[in-house]
C-alpha atoms as a PDB file:
ATOM      1  CA  MET A   1       0.133  -0.093   0.084  1.00  0.00           C
ATOM      2  CA  ILE A   2       2.831   2.402   0.669  1.00  0.00           C
ATOM      3  CA  PRO A   3       4.632   2.224  -2.674  1.00  0.00           C
ATOM      4  CA  ILE A   4       0.831   3.037  -4.000  1.00  0.00           C
ATOM      5  CA  VAL A   5       0.506   6.260  -1.925  1.00  0.00           C
ATOM      6  CA  LEU A   6       4.304   6.984  -3.081  1.00  0.00           C
ATOM      7  CA  VAL A   7       3.415   6.952  -6.744  1.00  0.00           C
ATOM      8  CA  VAL A   8       0.258   9.017  -6.170  1.00  0.00           C
ATOM      9  CA  LEU A   9       2.253  11.539  -4.127  1.00  0.00           C
ATOM     10  CA  GLY A  10       4.728  11.739  -6.875  1.00  0.00           C
ATOM     11  CA  ALA A  11       2.609  12.015  -9.586  1.00  0.00           C
ATOM     12  CA  TRP A  12       0.231  14.861  -7.896  1.00  0.00           C
ATOM     13  CA  THR A  13       3.584  16.576  -6.985  1.00  0.00           C
ATOM     14  CA  LEU A  14       4.921  16.525 -10.610  1.00  0.00           C
ATOM     15  CA  VAL A  15       1.491  17.610 -12.168  1.00  0.00           C
ATOM     16  CA  LEU A  16       1.129  20.578  -9.523  1.00  0.00           C
ATOM     17  CA  GLN A  17       4.580  21.891  -9.696  1.00  0.00           C
ATOM     18  CA  ARG A  18       5.827  21.216 -13.277  1.00  0.00           C
ATOM     19  CA  THR A  19       2.862  21.542 -15.570  1.00  0.00           C
ATOM     20  CA  ARG A  20       0.646  24.645 -16.518  1.00  0.00           C
ATOM     21  CA  PHE A  21      -2.513  22.770 -15.426  1.00  0.00           C
ATOM     22  CA  GLY A  22      -1.033  22.840 -11.870  1.00  0.00           C
ATOM     23  CA  ARG A  23      -0.332  26.464 -11.911  1.00  0.00           C
ATOM     24  CA  TYR A  24      -3.803  27.120 -13.109  1.00  0.00           C
ATOM     25  CA  ILE A  25      -4.857  25.078 -10.133  1.00  0.00           C
ATOM     26  CA  TYR A  26      -3.212  27.261  -7.847  1.00  0.00           C
ATOM     27  CA  ALA A  27      -4.066  30.266  -9.641  1.00  0.00           C
ATOM     28  CA  ILE A  28      -7.808  29.489  -9.320  1.00  0.00           C
ATOM     29  CA  GLY A  29      -7.223  28.465  -5.635  1.00  0.00           C
ATOM     30  CA  GLY A  30      -5.555  31.752  -4.788  1.00  0.00           C
ATOM     31  CA  ASN A  31      -8.043  34.404  -6.723  1.00  0.00           C
ATOM     32  CA  PRO A  32     -10.346  32.775  -9.387  1.00  0.00           C
ATOM     33  CA  GLU A  33     -11.155  36.557 -10.649  1.00  0.00           C
ATOM     34  CA  ALA A  34      -7.564  37.190 -11.275  1.00  0.00           C
ATOM     35  CA  ALA A  35      -6.960  33.775 -13.128  1.00  0.00           C
ATOM     36  CA  ARG A  36      -9.995  34.627 -15.360  1.00  0.00           C
ATOM     37  CA  ARG A  37      -8.610  37.827 -16.321  1.00  0.00           C
ATOM     38  CA  ALA A  38      -5.289  36.343 -16.880  1.00  0.00           C
ATOM     39  CA  GLY A  39      -7.074  33.875 -19.518  1.00  0.00           C
ATOM     40  CA  VAL A  40      -7.626  30.607 -17.714  1.00  0.00           C
ATOM     41  CA  SER A  41     -10.657  28.926 -18.347  1.00  0.00           C
ATOM     42  CA  LEU A  42     -12.202  28.348 -14.846  1.00  0.00           C
ATOM     43  CA  PRO A  43     -15.027  26.043 -15.852  1.00  0.00           C
ATOM     44  CA  LYS A  44     -12.749  23.628 -17.699  1.00  0.00           C
ATOM     45  CA  ILE A  45      -9.952  23.631 -15.124  1.00  0.00           C
ATOM     46  CA  ARG A  46     -12.355  23.235 -12.610  1.00  0.00           C
ATOM     47  CA  ILE A  47     -14.366  20.239 -14.164  1.00  0.00           C
ATOM     48  CA  TRP A  48     -10.813  18.489 -14.586  1.00  0.00           C
ATOM     49  CA  ALA A  49      -9.829  19.182 -10.973  1.00  0.00           C
ATOM     50  CA  PHE A  50     -12.800  17.818  -9.444  1.00  0.00           C
ATOM     51  CA  ALA A  51     -12.618  14.785 -11.737  1.00  0.00           C
ATOM     52  CA  LEU A  52      -9.203  14.068 -10.963  1.00  0.00           C
ATOM     53  CA  CYS A  53      -9.625  14.762  -7.255  1.00  0.00           C
ATOM     54  CA  SER A  54     -12.710  12.332  -7.450  1.00  0.00           C
ATOM     55  CA  ALA A  55     -10.397   9.473  -8.929  1.00  0.00           C
ATOM     56  CA  THR A  56      -7.817   9.972  -6.306  1.00  0.00           C
ATOM     57  CA  ALA A  57     -10.539   9.640  -3.633  1.00  0.00           C
ATOM     58  CA  ALA A  58     -11.721   6.769  -5.250  1.00  0.00           C
ATOM     59  CA  LEU A  59      -8.292   5.062  -5.146  1.00  0.00           C
ATOM     60  CA  GLY A  60      -7.938   5.999  -1.540  1.00  0.00           C
ATOM     61  CA  GLY A  61     -11.238   4.379  -0.875  1.00  0.00           C
ATOM     62  CA  ILE A  62     -10.290   1.157  -2.672  1.00  0.00           C
ATOM     63  CA  LEU A  63      -6.821   1.263  -0.723  1.00  0.00           C
ATOM     64  CA  LEU A  64      -8.874   1.912   2.650  1.00  0.00           C
ATOM     65  CA  GLY A  65     -11.322  -1.203   1.727  1.00  0.00           C
ATOM     66  CA  SER A  66      -8.382  -3.349   0.949  1.00  0.00           C
ATOM     67  CA  PHE A  67      -6.634  -2.329   4.291  1.00  0.00           C
ATOM     68  CA  PHE A  68      -9.814  -3.541   6.160  1.00  0.00           C
ATOM     69  CA  TYR A  69      -9.734  -6.782   4.304  1.00  0.00           C
ATOM     70  CA  GLY A  70     -13.667  -6.824   4.389  1.00  0.00           C
ATOM     71  CA  GLN A  71     -13.618  -7.060   7.991  1.00  0.00           C
ATOM     72  CA  TYR A  72     -15.591  -3.945   8.829  1.00  0.00           C
ATOM     73  CA  SER A  73     -18.902  -3.110   7.154  1.00  0.00           C
ATOM     74  CA  THR A  74     -19.771   0.639   6.758  1.00  0.00           C
ATOM     75  CA  ASN A  75     -21.793   0.733   9.415  1.00  0.00           C
ATOM     76  CA  THR A  76     -19.028  -0.219  11.873  1.00  0.00           C
ATOM     77  CA  ALA A  77     -16.201   2.020  10.453  1.00  0.00           C
ATOM     78  CA  ASP A  78     -16.464   5.686  11.464  1.00  0.00           C
ATOM     79  CA  PRO A  79     -16.328   7.870   8.176  1.00  0.00           C
ATOM     80  CA  GLY A  80     -16.712  10.826  10.105  1.00  0.00           C
ATOM     81  CA  GLN A  81     -13.597  10.268  12.413  1.00  0.00           C
ATOM     82  CA  LEU A  82     -11.653   9.476   9.090  1.00  0.00           C
ATOM     83  CA  VAL A  83     -12.743  12.706   7.506  1.00  0.00           C
ATOM     84  CA  LEU A  84     -11.439  14.720  10.405  1.00  0.00           C
ATOM     85  CA  TYR A  85      -8.313  13.054  10.508  1.00  0.00           C
ATOM     86  CA  THR A  86      -7.950  13.714   6.838  1.00  0.00           C
ATOM     87  CA  VAL A  87      -8.883  17.753   7.499  1.00  0.00           C
ATOM     88  CA  ALA A  88      -6.623  17.858  10.530  1.00  0.00           C
ATOM     89  CA  ALA A  89      -3.603  16.323   8.517  1.00  0.00           C
ATOM     90  CA  SER A  90      -3.882  18.658   5.615  1.00  0.00           C
ATOM     91  CA  VAL A  91      -4.308  21.888   8.329  1.00  0.00           C
ATOM     92  CA  ILE A  92      -1.308  20.669  10.301  1.00  0.00           C
ATOM     93  CA  GLY A  93       0.773  20.051   7.266  1.00  0.00           C
ATOM     94  CA  GLY A  94       0.051  23.546   6.198  1.00  0.00           C
ATOM     95  CA  VAL A  95      -2.169  23.226   3.489  1.00  0.00           C
ATOM     96  CA  SER A  96      -4.694  26.455   3.188  1.00  0.00           C
ATOM     97  CA  LEU A  97      -8.460  25.317   3.236  1.00  0.00           C
ATOM     98  CA  PHE A  98      -8.938  28.596   1.236  1.00  0.00           C
ATOM     99  CA  GLY A  99      -7.103  27.404  -1.577  1.00  0.00           C
ATOM    100  CA  GLY A 100      -4.028  28.655  -3.544  1.00  0.00           C
ATOM    101  CA  ARG A 101      -1.262  27.570  -1.107  1.00  0.00           C
ATOM    102  CA  GLY A 102       0.101  24.223  -0.123  1.00  0.00           C
ATOM    103  CA  LYS A 103       1.946  21.202  -1.768  1.00  0.00           C
ATOM    104  CA  ALA A 104       0.929  17.340  -1.734  1.00  0.00           C
ATOM    105  CA  ILE A 105       3.856  16.253   0.541  1.00  0.00           C
ATOM    106  CA  HIS A 106       2.491  18.698   3.234  1.00  0.00           C
ATOM    107  CA  GLY A 107      -0.734  16.844   3.653  1.00  0.00           C
ATOM    108  CA  VAL A 108       1.283  13.625   3.579  1.00  0.00           C
ATOM    109  CA  LEU A 109       3.533  14.890   6.387  1.00  0.00           C
ATOM    110  CA  GLY A 110       0.613  16.161   8.389  1.00  0.00           C
ATOM    111  CA  GLY A 111      -0.850  12.806   8.046  1.00  0.00           C
ATOM    112  CA  LEU A 112       2.226  11.177   9.531  1.00  0.00           C
ATOM    113  CA  LEU A 113       2.034  13.509  12.464  1.00  0.00           C
ATOM    114  CA  ILE A 114      -1.617  12.618  13.088  1.00  0.00           C
ATOM    115  CA  ALA A 115      -0.677   8.942  12.598  1.00  0.00           C
ATOM    116  CA  ALA A 116       2.220   8.972  15.022  1.00  0.00           C
ATOM    117  CA  SER A 117       0.161  10.999  17.722  1.00  0.00           C
ATOM    118  CA  PRO A 118      -1.508   8.058  19.524  1.00  0.00           C
ATOM    119  CA  THR A 119       1.840   6.178  19.530  1.00  0.00           C
ATOM    120  CA  ALA A 120       3.567   9.095  21.169  1.00  0.00           C
ATOM    121  CA  CYS A 121       0.976   9.720  23.780  1.00  0.00           C
ATOM    122  CA  PRO A 122      -0.003   6.295  25.103  1.00  0.00           C
ATOM    123  CA  CYS A 123      -2.555   7.651  27.240  1.00  0.00           C
ATOM    124  CA  SER A 124      -5.390   8.357  24.786  1.00  0.00           C
ATOM    125  CA  ALA A 125      -8.211   7.738  27.156  1.00  0.00           C
ATOM    126  CA  TRP A 126      -7.145  10.967  29.749  1.00  0.00           C
ATOM    127  CA  ALA A 127      -9.728   9.855  32.400  1.00  0.00           C
ATOM    128  CA  HIS A 128      -7.473   6.663  33.149  1.00  0.00           C
ATOM    129  CA  CYS A 129      -4.168   8.251  33.091  1.00  0.00           C
ATOM    130  CA  PRO A 130      -2.455   8.704  36.621  1.00  0.00           C
ATOM    131  CA  ARG A 131      -2.528  12.085  37.848  1.00  0.00           C
ATOM    132  CA  ARG A 132       0.730  13.674  39.351  1.00  0.00           C
END
């Protein structure tokens, strides 16, 4: 699973930093009106951005389903908490929720920090931790 994530990270990094499409994505995220005045076709770029984002999310869902090995149904897994972890990883990584700033690697680094936090703090149930 890790090699697939690294390949997707590398592909998105190349697309966002080395192509005209990536510059347009950042421009639209930063200021859509300025991007439109600079000659960027907003509807076309937005449609492609949403389509590629959906394809990446579908790949993530497939990877998540393969990670569970079919052990959990959708009723027992908590998708709300997974969304919260995803948004928190992006924010901690430094990606702007308002657009126009951030890199793909920043979200991955934020995700690593979120994943390491329960390991770093073994007392996840604070009510049961010994008080000093």
